[in-house]
Amino acid sequence: MSFLDQLPPDLREKIEIISTSNPSAIDVFQELYNYINIDPENRKKPKNSGLAPEVTEDSIIFQLRDVSVLTPFRKKLNLVISLSPISGKPTLSLSKDMVPQLTISELNKSVKFATFLPFPEKKNAVYLFMSYTSALDPNANEYLLVTLNKEATLTQLRSSGLIPNDANDISPCIDYIRKQAILVGFRVADPFSASNVGPVPFHVEAHRGTKEGTLYFLPDHVLFGFKKPILLFSSQEIESITYSSITRLTFNVTLITKNGDKYEFSMIDQNEYALIDDYVKRKQVVDNSMSEENKAKTAHKDQNAAEHSSLLAEAAQQLESGGKISNIPLESDDEEADNDFEGDSNLSDGSDIGSSEDEEEEDGDEEEDAAEEEAAEENVETALNEQDQNFSNEVDEQQFELLGKVHNTFGADDFDDLTQGISFPMETDGVEDEDDSGVEYD
């Protein structure tokens, strides 16, 4: 039977028309038909780092059937530990119908890290994660991630007689797999086991950019997965950590490695801060959340606030004791301003310039200057009285603005002519007593 008989009539007619004009085309259509009917799984080129041949039944040391592979591809395959027919050494492979899709050879050298991890979203599943180097590129880290269904794994190992029939949880299965791994040259950690002593590892939900994942804090590693790319750090590689974008509900964590690479994980729940901070301190990782620059800015800001508060308190104390605005010191704390004011005053009183002739002229105009002085005194006194009437016992921004206005009244720049040689006579208490005593003197 020709393959044309398997085609719909309209398609068969089109192929026959093409083949009539080009007889060699029928062979191309035949090849295409044969390729389409091949099993889709067999079309994919298997990723086989060791180029191992087909696994034989008598070489199998241990296997788990139909595990869910998530990395480096997504398939249901058999996890097989067997002896290589070429080298006679143990190999680990993911195979389908005894055909390896992935093979890891020289397990004692290739496997760098392996561990069981909890599956946050599914209580009936557990991860098996491995970091290894392939024979094709020993310098590149590859990752293997499979999911084991607890019930299916338990049933499979019980039926094979590998664990006791009365086992009712995944713990005996994990222990058996770990022992098999040790026999072939590598170790699989189980940090979340209840039998472990010491600090308890933990995991938190986090985002890496727009990808949501799980951040695992393990005894000697920090792992983020399991959306690609998977990130794995040895705790010894982490130089420092920084907390940022802290809100009432979440915060961000940035890990900085010793070679300067930065990895930020965001949207971590605030409730997880204590666990992460304790982990960081135990691993003696430097916390660079507060840089020296930020500390200096904060200290400067606090100092300015303290000085401002001290000035307000002093002014308020004087007001509460019955003082008036004229009693509040008008001198500036700025030394540069003081120097400028003194310089202007020296120039304005004529102490450094002029001649004897100018002094004679000034003596001749003494009466005129005296009149100007008296007028200036009256103007100043009037301004002070007006400010006293408008001043209240509350210290606020408006009242400090009034201080500035009074200070301007004495400004050397505005009243150079009026302040030359002006002296402000002060009445003593003794004089006031004489005025109020009612005793007349000859």
Foldseek 3Di string as FASTA:
>chain_A
DDVLVVDDPVVSVVQVVVCVVPVVVVVVVSVVVVVVPPDPVVVDQFAELVPAAFDDPVFWPDKDAQWFWDPPHTDGFMWTWGAGPVPRAIKTFTDDPRGGSYIAPPLQQFWDAWEKAQDVVDNQKIKIKTWTAGPVGRVDIGITIIIDGWVSLVVVCCVVVNDPVPDDTNVVVVVSVQVVSVVRRDGYYYQQDPPDDDDRKDKWWWDQVPRTWIWTDGPFWIWTDDDPPTDIDGLQQFAAKAWAPDDPFWIKIWTAGPVGDITIITGTGPVCVVVVVVSCVVSVHHYPHDPPVNVVVVVVVVVVVVVVVVVLVVLLVCLVVPDFLVPPDLDDPDVVVVVVQVVLLCVLQQPVDDDVVVVVVCVVCVVVLVVLLVVLLVVLVVLRVVLRVVDDSDDDPVNVVVSVVNVVSPRCVVPSVSPHVHDDDDDDPVVVCVVPVPDDDD
